[in-house]
Amino acid sequence: MNNSKKHDERIATMTFASVYPHYIKKVERKGRTKEELHQVIEWLTGYDEKKLQALIDEKVTFEIFFRNATLNANTYLITGVICGYRVEEIENPLTQQVRYLDKLVDELAKGRKMEKILRVV
């Protein structure tokens, strides 16, 4: 992964609201639903639909989005490659959390079963 400070800063200042429509488009194009996307986001962050909408309306950055999140205790089970890089090897915690979300959205869009996406053990 591009571990440069500049790259990490760019991710930190990007707004969740700017990326969210792309997540919806990606999963719906592959036959999944907005509700399933919300389920995945809630599993990762603890944000219910009402809180998620408030964060979108406030146009919070990814830094604030993840700073205020209650990450699922099983996030360490999210492994694999996203954008050519292993998520478990990303050094910057915020960049890693954003890539965790990207990985889960990617798995949803690829048709993976929800219990596998949510790392039900």
C-alpha atoms as a PDB file:
ATOM      1  CA  MET A   1       0.000   0.000   0.000  1.00  0.00           C
ATOM      2  CA  ASN A   2       1.078   3.543  -0.558  1.00  0.00           C
ATOM      3  CA  ASN A   3       2.141   4.193   3.028  1.00  0.00           C
ATOM      4  CA  SER A   4       2.914   7.833   2.454  1.00  0.00           C
ATOM      5  CA  LYS A   5       1.683  10.339   4.965  1.00  0.00           C
ATOM      6  CA  LYS A   6       0.055  12.258   2.089  1.00  0.00           C
ATOM      7  CA  HIS A   7      -2.029   9.211   1.111  1.00  0.00           C
ATOM      8  CA  ASP A   8      -3.156   8.646   4.716  1.00  0.00           C
ATOM      9  CA  GLU A   9      -4.057  12.327   5.089  1.00  0.00           C
ATOM     10  CA  ARG A  10      -6.106  12.213   1.876  1.00  0.00           C
ATOM     11  CA  ILE A  11      -8.111   9.286   3.217  1.00  0.00           C
ATOM     12  CA  ALA A  12      -8.572  11.006   6.593  1.00  0.00           C
ATOM     13  CA  THR A  13     -10.009  14.151   5.020  1.00  0.00           C
ATOM     14  CA  MET A  14     -12.252  12.379   2.505  1.00  0.00           C
ATOM     15  CA  THR A  15     -15.906  12.511   3.524  1.00  0.00           C
ATOM     16  CA  PHE A  16     -17.917   9.373   4.063  1.00  0.00           C
ATOM     17  CA  ALA A  17     -20.820  11.047   2.240  1.00  0.00           C
ATOM     18  CA  SER A  18     -18.707  11.350  -0.919  1.00  0.00           C
ATOM     19  CA  VAL A  19     -17.999   7.601  -1.012  1.00  0.00           C
ATOM     20  CA  TYR A  20     -21.320   6.245   0.282  1.00  0.00           C
ATOM     21  CA  PRO A  21     -23.221   6.617  -3.041  1.00  0.00           C
ATOM     22  CA  HIS A  22     -20.477   4.585  -4.736  1.00  0.00           C
ATOM     23  CA  TYR A  23     -20.925   1.813  -2.158  1.00  0.00           C
ATOM     24  CA  ILE A  24     -24.674   1.738  -2.841  1.00  0.00           C
ATOM     25  CA  LYS A  25     -24.185   1.727  -6.600  1.00  0.00           C
ATOM     26  CA  LYS A  26     -21.607  -1.072  -6.392  1.00  0.00           C
ATOM     27  CA  VAL A  27     -23.725  -3.417  -4.278  1.00  0.00           C
ATOM     28  CA  GLU A  28     -27.019  -2.702  -6.083  1.00  0.00           C
ATOM     29  CA  ARG A  29     -25.383  -3.252  -9.480  1.00  0.00           C
ATOM     30  CA  LYS A  30     -24.487  -6.732  -8.241  1.00  0.00           C
ATOM     31  CA  GLY A  31     -28.003  -7.500  -6.971  1.00  0.00           C
ATOM     32  CA  ARG A  32     -27.499  -6.676  -3.289  1.00  0.00           C
ATOM     33  CA  THR A  33     -29.512  -4.104  -1.340  1.00  0.00           C
ATOM     34  CA  LYS A  34     -28.950  -0.856   0.491  1.00  0.00           C
ATOM     35  CA  GLU A  35     -30.306  -2.600   3.602  1.00  0.00           C
ATOM     36  CA  GLU A  36     -27.605  -5.268   3.329  1.00  0.00           C
ATOM     37  CA  LEU A  37     -24.997  -2.526   2.941  1.00  0.00           C
ATOM     38  CA  HIS A  38     -26.312  -0.858   6.088  1.00  0.00           C
ATOM     39  CA  GLN A  39     -26.160  -4.173   7.926  1.00  0.00           C
ATOM     40  CA  VAL A  40     -22.491  -4.531   6.978  1.00  0.00           C
ATOM     41  CA  ILE A  41     -21.682  -0.938   7.992  1.00  0.00           C
ATOM     42  CA  GLU A  42     -23.502  -1.385  11.307  1.00  0.00           C
ATOM     43  CA  TRP A  43     -21.600  -4.615  12.002  1.00  0.00           C
ATOM     44  CA  LEU A  44     -18.274  -2.861  11.415  1.00  0.00           C
ATOM     45  CA  THR A  45     -18.956   0.512  13.065  1.00  0.00           C
ATOM     46  CA  GLY A  46     -21.945   0.128  15.362  1.00  0.00           C
ATOM     47  CA  TYR A  47     -23.804   2.894  13.482  1.00  0.00           C
ATOM     48  CA  ASP A  48     -27.503   2.196  12.997  1.00  0.00           C
ATOM     49  CA  GLU A  49     -29.360   3.608  10.001  1.00  0.00           C
ATOM     50  CA  LYS A  50     -30.406   6.798  11.824  1.00  0.00           C
ATOM     51  CA  LYS A  51     -26.860   7.586  13.010  1.00  0.00           C
ATOM     52  CA  LEU A  52     -25.433   6.701   9.607  1.00  0.00           C
ATOM     53  CA  GLN A  53     -27.788   9.166   7.912  1.00  0.00           C
ATOM     54  CA  ALA A  54     -26.837  11.868  10.418  1.00  0.00           C
ATOM     55  CA  LEU A  55     -23.144  11.330   9.641  1.00  0.00           C
ATOM     56  CA  ILE A  56     -23.876  11.528   5.917  1.00  0.00           C
ATOM     57  CA  ASP A  57     -25.871  14.735   6.395  1.00  0.00           C
ATOM     58  CA  GLU A  58     -23.042  16.228   8.481  1.00  0.00           C
ATOM     59  CA  LYS A  59     -20.542  15.281   5.769  1.00  0.00           C
ATOM     60  CA  VAL A  60     -18.088  13.920   8.331  1.00  0.00           C
ATOM     61  CA  THR A  61     -14.613  12.907   7.264  1.00  0.00           C
ATOM     62  CA  PHE A  62     -13.491   9.300   7.464  1.00  0.00           C
ATOM     63  CA  GLU A  63     -11.306  10.370  10.390  1.00  0.00           C
ATOM     64  CA  ILE A  64     -14.339  11.473  12.403  1.00  0.00           C
ATOM     65  CA  PHE A  65     -16.473   8.625  11.065  1.00  0.00           C
ATOM     66  CA  PHE A  66     -14.106   5.999  12.452  1.00  0.00           C
ATOM     67  CA  ARG A  67     -12.989   7.958  15.537  1.00  0.00           C
ATOM     68  CA  ASN A  68     -16.576   7.878  16.821  1.00  0.00           C
ATOM     69  CA  ALA A  69     -17.309   4.321  15.692  1.00  0.00           C
ATOM     70  CA  THR A  70     -17.389   1.303  17.968  1.00  0.00           C
ATOM     71  CA  LEU A  71     -15.522  -1.191  15.836  1.00  0.00           C
ATOM     72  CA  ASN A  72     -16.667  -4.777  15.972  1.00  0.00           C
ATOM     73  CA  ALA A  73     -14.428  -6.984  18.105  1.00  0.00           C
ATOM     74  CA  ASN A  74     -14.069  -9.386  15.162  1.00  0.00           C
ATOM     75  CA  THR A  75     -12.522  -6.894  12.733  1.00  0.00           C
ATOM     76  CA  TYR A  76      -9.249  -8.796  13.102  1.00  0.00           C
ATOM     77  CA  LEU A  77     -10.946 -11.555  11.092  1.00  0.00           C
ATOM     78  CA  ILE A  78     -11.146  -9.259   8.049  1.00  0.00           C
ATOM     79  CA  THR A  79      -8.258 -10.387   5.900  1.00  0.00           C
ATOM     80  CA  GLY A  80      -7.428 -10.507   2.260  1.00  0.00           C
ATOM     81  CA  VAL A  81      -6.608  -8.223  -0.584  1.00  0.00           C
ATOM     82  CA  ILE A  82      -8.329  -4.967  -1.470  1.00  0.00           C
ATOM     83  CA  CYS A  83      -6.939  -2.633  -4.137  1.00  0.00           C
ATOM     84  CA  GLY A  84      -3.931  -4.925  -4.404  1.00  0.00           C
ATOM     85  CA  TYR A  85      -2.950  -4.741  -0.735  1.00  0.00           C
ATOM     86  CA  ARG A  86      -3.508  -7.067   2.220  1.00  0.00           C
ATOM     87  CA  VAL A  87      -5.785  -5.243   4.685  1.00  0.00           C
ATOM     88  CA  GLU A  88      -4.181  -6.934   7.677  1.00  0.00           C
ATOM     89  CA  GLU A  89      -0.789  -5.463   6.723  1.00  0.00           C
ATOM     90  CA  ILE A  90      -1.849  -1.820   6.412  1.00  0.00           C
ATOM     91  CA  GLU A  91       0.063   0.127   9.050  1.00  0.00           C
ATOM     92  CA  ASN A  92      -2.003   3.305   9.426  1.00  0.00           C
ATOM     93  CA  PRO A  93      -5.018   2.441  11.640  1.00  0.00           C
ATOM     94  CA  LEU A  94      -7.455   4.817   9.910  1.00  0.00           C
ATOM     95  CA  THR A  95      -6.420   3.716   6.430  1.00  0.00           C
ATOM     96  CA  GLN A  96      -6.816   0.114   7.569  1.00  0.00           C
ATOM     97  CA  GLN A  97     -10.323   0.793   8.925  1.00  0.00           C
ATOM     98  CA  VAL A  98     -11.395   2.437   5.663  1.00  0.00           C
ATOM     99  CA  ARG A  99     -10.007  -0.542   3.748  1.00  0.00           C
ATOM    100  CA  TYR A 100     -11.863  -2.905   6.101  1.00  0.00           C
ATOM    101  CA  LEU A 101     -15.060  -1.172   5.009  1.00  0.00           C
ATOM    102  CA  ASP A 102     -14.013  -1.351   1.358  1.00  0.00           C
ATOM    103  CA  LYS A 103     -13.281  -5.067   1.759  1.00  0.00           C
ATOM    104  CA  LEU A 104     -16.692  -5.774   3.316  1.00  0.00           C
ATOM    105  CA  VAL A 105     -18.482  -3.802   0.582  1.00  0.00           C
ATOM    106  CA  ASP A 106     -16.491  -5.713  -2.027  1.00  0.00           C
ATOM    107  CA  GLU A 107     -17.439  -9.055  -0.455  1.00  0.00           C
ATOM    108  CA  LEU A 108     -21.106  -8.014  -0.390  1.00  0.00           C
ATOM    109  CA  ALA A 109     -20.979  -6.992  -4.053  1.00  0.00           C
ATOM    110  CA  LYS A 110     -19.317 -10.287  -4.985  1.00  0.00           C
ATOM    111  CA  GLY A 111     -22.269 -12.211  -3.558  1.00  0.00           C
ATOM    112  CA  ARG A 112     -20.603 -13.626  -0.468  1.00  0.00           C
ATOM    113  CA  LYS A 113     -23.039 -14.937   2.145  1.00  0.00           C
ATOM    114  CA  MET A 114     -23.884 -12.438   4.855  1.00  0.00           C
ATOM    115  CA  GLU A 115     -22.789 -14.734   7.702  1.00  0.00           C
ATOM    116  CA  LYS A 116     -19.339 -14.960   6.107  1.00  0.00           C
ATOM    117  CA  ILE A 117     -19.131 -11.194   5.551  1.00  0.00           C
ATOM    118  CA  LEU A 118     -20.095 -10.593   9.192  1.00  0.00           C
ATOM    119  CA  ARG A 119     -17.523 -13.127  10.349  1.00  0.00           C
ATOM    120  CA  VAL A 120     -20.060 -15.203  12.278  1.00  0.00           C
ATOM    121  CA  VAL A 121     -17.959 -17.667  14.229  1.00  0.00           C
END
